[in-house]
């Protein structure tokens, strides 16, 4: 469960949410994914970052992270994604729901995905 800031203390079932990618990314030659994210999120930070040689930074995802990232298509909910991950990785992904919760929250905090 996660708390929805827009709905006060009401909790939302994470498994029902539908993640959608909103940040830039690239496919690597090894089949993995690299996210391209801004160094600063605030308005002042973005102005400062525009003066830098590279206002972005890269986050390289492992095989599990890359698989999950590709699944964040704005159509599948997190429960369906978790089932696809279990089929792909089997016991290596356990505990699947805890791992997905951590990763989805990380992506959300990085503003790399939106949850609908």
Protein backbone atom coordinates (compact mmCIF):
# COMPACT_ATOMS: atom_id res chain seq x y z
CA UNK A 1 0.00 0.00 0.00
CA UNK A 2 1.13 3.53 -0.68
CA UNK A 3 -0.34 6.81 0.45
CA UNK A 4 -1.74 9.10 -2.22
CA UNK A 5 -0.69 12.65 -1.31
CA UNK A 6 -3.61 14.07 -3.30
CA UNK A 7 -6.17 12.06 -1.33
CA UNK A 8 -5.06 12.73 2.23
CA UNK A 9 -4.51 9.58 4.25
CA UNK A 10 -6.31 7.29 1.83
CA UNK A 11 -4.12 4.34 0.88
CA UNK A 12 -3.95 2.96 -2.63
CA UNK A 13 -3.26 -0.67 -3.47
CA UNK A 14 0.04 -0.52 -5.33
CA UNK A 15 -0.82 -3.64 -7.35
CA UNK A 16 -3.79 -1.86 -8.97
CA UNK A 17 -1.76 1.11 -10.21
CA UNK A 18 -0.60 1.41 -13.80
CA UNK A 19 2.95 2.76 -14.21
CA UNK A 20 3.89 4.76 -17.29
CA UNK A 21 7.41 5.78 -18.30
CA UNK A 22 7.90 9.56 -18.49
CA UNK A 23 11.67 10.01 -18.52
CA UNK A 24 14.20 9.54 -21.29
CA UNK A 25 15.98 6.23 -21.60
CA UNK A 26 18.07 4.21 -23.99
CA UNK A 27 18.57 0.56 -24.81
CA UNK A 28 22.13 -0.63 -24.23
CA UNK A 29 23.95 -3.08 -26.51
CA UNK A 30 23.82 -5.66 -23.71
CA UNK A 31 20.00 -5.61 -23.67
CA UNK A 32 19.81 -3.53 -20.50
CA UNK A 33 18.39 -0.03 -20.02
CA UNK A 34 19.95 3.29 -19.03
CA UNK A 35 17.63 5.97 -17.64
CA UNK A 36 18.53 9.57 -18.45
CA UNK A 37 17.41 11.82 -15.62
CA UNK A 38 17.81 15.51 -14.75
CA UNK A 39 20.34 16.26 -12.03
CA UNK A 40 17.95 18.72 -10.38
CA UNK A 41 14.15 18.64 -10.07
CA UNK A 42 13.36 22.11 -8.75
CA UNK A 43 12.89 25.13 -10.99
CA UNK A 44 16.01 26.82 -9.57
CA UNK A 45 17.93 23.57 -9.90
CA UNK A 46 16.94 23.21 -13.55
CA UNK A 47 18.12 26.77 -14.26
CA UNK A 48 21.44 25.97 -12.55
CA UNK A 49 21.71 22.63 -14.38
CA UNK A 50 21.22 24.34 -17.74
CA UNK A 51 24.58 26.03 -17.14
CA UNK A 52 26.33 22.69 -16.62
CA UNK A 53 28.07 20.77 -19.36
CA UNK A 54 25.68 17.90 -18.78
CA UNK A 55 22.47 18.66 -16.83
CA UNK A 56 21.48 14.98 -16.90
CA UNK A 57 22.79 11.85 -15.23
CA UNK A 58 22.42 8.21 -16.15
CA UNK A 59 21.16 5.27 -14.11
CA UNK A 60 21.98 1.82 -15.50
CA UNK A 61 19.40 -0.83 -14.70
CA UNK A 62 20.13 -4.51 -14.18
CA UNK A 63 18.20 -7.25 -16.02
CA UNK A 64 15.31 -7.22 -13.55
CA UNK A 65 15.09 -3.42 -13.53
CA UNK A 66 15.27 -3.28 -17.33
CA UNK A 67 12.48 -5.86 -17.63
CA UNK A 68 10.30 -3.91 -15.20
CA UNK A 69 11.06 -0.63 -17.01
CA UNK A 70 9.94 -2.06 -20.35
CA UNK A 71 6.73 -3.29 -18.72
CA UNK A 72 5.83 0.25 -17.54
CA UNK A 73 3.90 0.92 -20.73
CA UNK A 74 0.91 2.72 -19.24
CA UNK A 75 -1.36 -0.25 -19.94
CA UNK A 76 -0.44 -3.02 -17.49
CA UNK A 77 -1.03 -2.67 -13.78
CA UNK A 78 1.65 -3.62 -11.29
CA UNK A 79 -0.02 -6.94 -10.47
CA UNK A 80 0.12 -8.00 -14.13
CA UNK A 81 3.73 -6.83 -14.36
CA UNK A 82 4.61 -8.87 -11.26
CA UNK A 83 3.12 -11.98 -12.88
CA UNK A 84 5.16 -11.38 -16.05
CA UNK A 85 8.27 -10.98 -13.91
CA UNK A 86 7.59 -14.26 -12.11
CA UNK A 87 7.28 -16.02 -15.47
CA UNK A 88 10.53 -14.45 -16.69
CA UNK A 89 12.70 -14.79 -13.56
CA UNK A 90 11.01 -17.43 -11.41
CA UNK A 91 12.29 -17.75 -7.85
CA UNK A 92 15.15 -15.32 -8.58
CA UNK A 93 12.69 -12.42 -8.29
CA UNK A 94 11.22 -13.42 -4.90
CA UNK A 95 9.93 -11.67 -2.87
CA UNK A 96 8.45 -10.17 -6.03
CA UNK A 97 5.94 -7.74 -4.48
CA UNK A 98 8.46 -6.26 -2.05
CA UNK A 99 11.04 -5.83 -4.82
CA UNK A 100 8.53 -4.20 -7.16
CA UNK A 101 7.30 -1.87 -4.41
CA UNK A 102 10.83 -0.65 -3.73
CA UNK A 103 11.70 -0.22 -7.41
CA UNK A 104 8.40 1.47 -8.36
CA UNK A 105 8.74 3.90 -5.43
CA UNK A 106 12.32 4.67 -6.50
CA UNK A 107 11.22 5.36 -10.09
CA UNK A 108 8.33 7.50 -8.85
CA UNK A 109 10.62 9.54 -6.58
CA UNK A 110 13.00 10.08 -9.51
CA UNK A 111 10.02 11.32 -11.60
CA UNK A 112 10.83 8.59 -14.12
CA UNK A 113 7.29 7.16 -14.06
CA UNK A 114 3.75 8.24 -13.34
CA UNK A 115 1.27 6.00 -11.55
CA UNK A 116 -2.33 6.01 -12.72
